Amino acid sequence: MQVICLQEDAFYALVEEVVARLKEKQGNEKEKWVSDEEAMQLLNVKSKTTLQKLRDEGKIRFSQPQKKIILYDRDSINTYLERNARNTF
């Protein structure tokens, strides 16, 4: 068994780097396809009718693996939000 000795500053720097990498990795592992409830939350809309309108107009991508199950593409929702963002003065 080998023992590795580190100075206190180096140890805490290493721990912070590991924590940062874990947070980065967790942030990147969001699911690509989200339910209608989560899509409504991301878009900040309150009705499924509005969600259906966005879907029908081709503004957000969706998948319908079964008749009553509709999933929404998280990337297309983010793209839609970015496209409609207004720059500040």
Protein backbone atom coordinates (compact mmCIF):
# COMPACT_ATOMS: atom_id res chain seq x y z
CA MET A 1 0.00 0.00 0.00
CA GLN A 2 1.33 3.40 -0.95
CA VAL A 3 0.76 6.54 1.06
CA ILE A 4 0.61 9.88 -0.70
CA CYS A 5 1.26 12.98 1.34
CA LEU A 6 -0.04 16.37 0.28
CA GLN A 7 0.25 19.76 1.78
CA GLU A 8 -3.01 21.10 3.17
CA ASP A 9 -3.45 23.68 0.40
CA ALA A 10 -2.82 21.10 -2.33
CA PHE A 11 -5.27 18.67 -0.70
CA TYR A 12 -8.10 21.22 -0.57
CA ALA A 13 -7.37 22.35 -4.15
CA LEU A 14 -7.64 18.72 -5.26
CA VAL A 15 -10.92 18.25 -3.39
CA GLU A 16 -12.37 21.42 -4.95
CA GLU A 17 -11.37 20.26 -8.43
CA VAL A 18 -13.01 16.87 -7.89
CA VAL A 19 -16.22 18.51 -6.63
CA ALA A 20 -16.26 20.89 -9.62
CA ARG A 21 -15.87 18.01 -12.07
CA LEU A 22 -18.65 16.04 -10.39
CA LYS A 23 -21.01 19.03 -10.56
CA GLU A 24 -20.12 19.53 -14.23
CA LYS A 25 -20.75 15.89 -14.99
CA GLN A 26 -24.11 15.88 -13.20
CA GLY A 27 -25.19 19.03 -15.02
CA ASN A 28 -24.50 17.47 -18.42
CA GLU A 29 -26.54 14.34 -17.80
CA LYS A 30 -30.00 15.85 -18.08
CA GLU A 31 -32.38 13.76 -20.10
CA LYS A 32 -32.82 14.76 -23.73
CA TRP A 33 -36.55 14.03 -23.79
CA VAL A 34 -38.83 15.53 -21.13
CA SER A 35 -42.48 15.04 -20.21
CA ASP A 36 -45.17 17.61 -20.91
CA GLU A 37 -45.13 18.78 -17.29
CA GLU A 38 -41.40 19.42 -17.38
CA ALA A 39 -41.64 21.10 -20.80
CA MET A 40 -44.36 23.39 -19.45
CA GLN A 41 -42.16 24.24 -16.49
CA LEU A 42 -39.14 24.98 -18.72
CA LEU A 43 -41.24 27.19 -20.98
CA ASN A 44 -43.12 28.74 -18.07
CA VAL A 45 -46.53 28.03 -19.62
CA LYS A 46 -49.57 26.96 -17.67
CA SER A 47 -51.69 25.12 -20.24
CA LYS A 48 -51.20 22.06 -22.36
CA THR A 49 -52.98 23.91 -25.17
CA THR A 50 -50.09 26.36 -25.43
CA LEU A 51 -47.67 23.44 -25.51
CA GLN A 52 -49.73 21.82 -28.27
CA LYS A 53 -49.72 25.10 -30.24
CA LEU A 54 -45.91 25.28 -30.06
CA ARG A 55 -45.77 21.66 -31.18
CA ASP A 56 -48.24 22.14 -34.05
CA GLU A 57 -46.42 25.23 -35.32
CA GLY A 58 -43.13 23.32 -35.37
CA LYS A 59 -41.47 25.60 -32.84
CA ILE A 60 -40.37 22.75 -30.56
CA ARG A 61 -39.47 19.16 -31.42
CA PHE A 62 -41.39 16.27 -29.97
CA SER A 63 -41.58 12.52 -30.11
CA GLN A 64 -44.67 10.38 -29.70
CA PRO A 65 -43.55 6.85 -28.84
CA GLN A 66 -47.09 5.82 -27.91
CA LYS A 67 -50.51 7.25 -28.66
CA LYS A 68 -50.94 9.14 -25.37
CA ILE A 69 -47.27 9.77 -24.58
CA ILE A 70 -45.61 12.86 -26.00
CA LEU A 71 -42.05 13.75 -25.10
CA TYR A 72 -40.34 17.05 -25.83
CA ASP A 73 -36.75 17.69 -26.88
CA ARG A 74 -35.00 19.72 -24.16
CA ASP A 75 -32.51 21.16 -26.68
CA SER A 76 -35.27 22.46 -28.96
CA ILE A 77 -36.99 24.09 -25.97
CA ASN A 78 -33.74 25.84 -25.02
CA THR A 79 -33.22 26.89 -28.66
CA TYR A 80 -36.77 28.27 -28.81
CA LEU A 81 -36.18 30.28 -25.64
CA GLU A 82 -32.86 31.62 -26.93
CA ARG A 83 -34.39 32.56 -30.30
CA ASN A 84 -37.06 34.59 -28.53
CA ALA A 85 -34.75 36.22 -25.99
CA ARG A 86 -34.41 39.97 -26.17
CA ASN A 87 -31.11 41.74 -25.59
CA THR A 88 -30.95 44.42 -22.94
CA PHE A 89 -29.90 47.96 -23.72
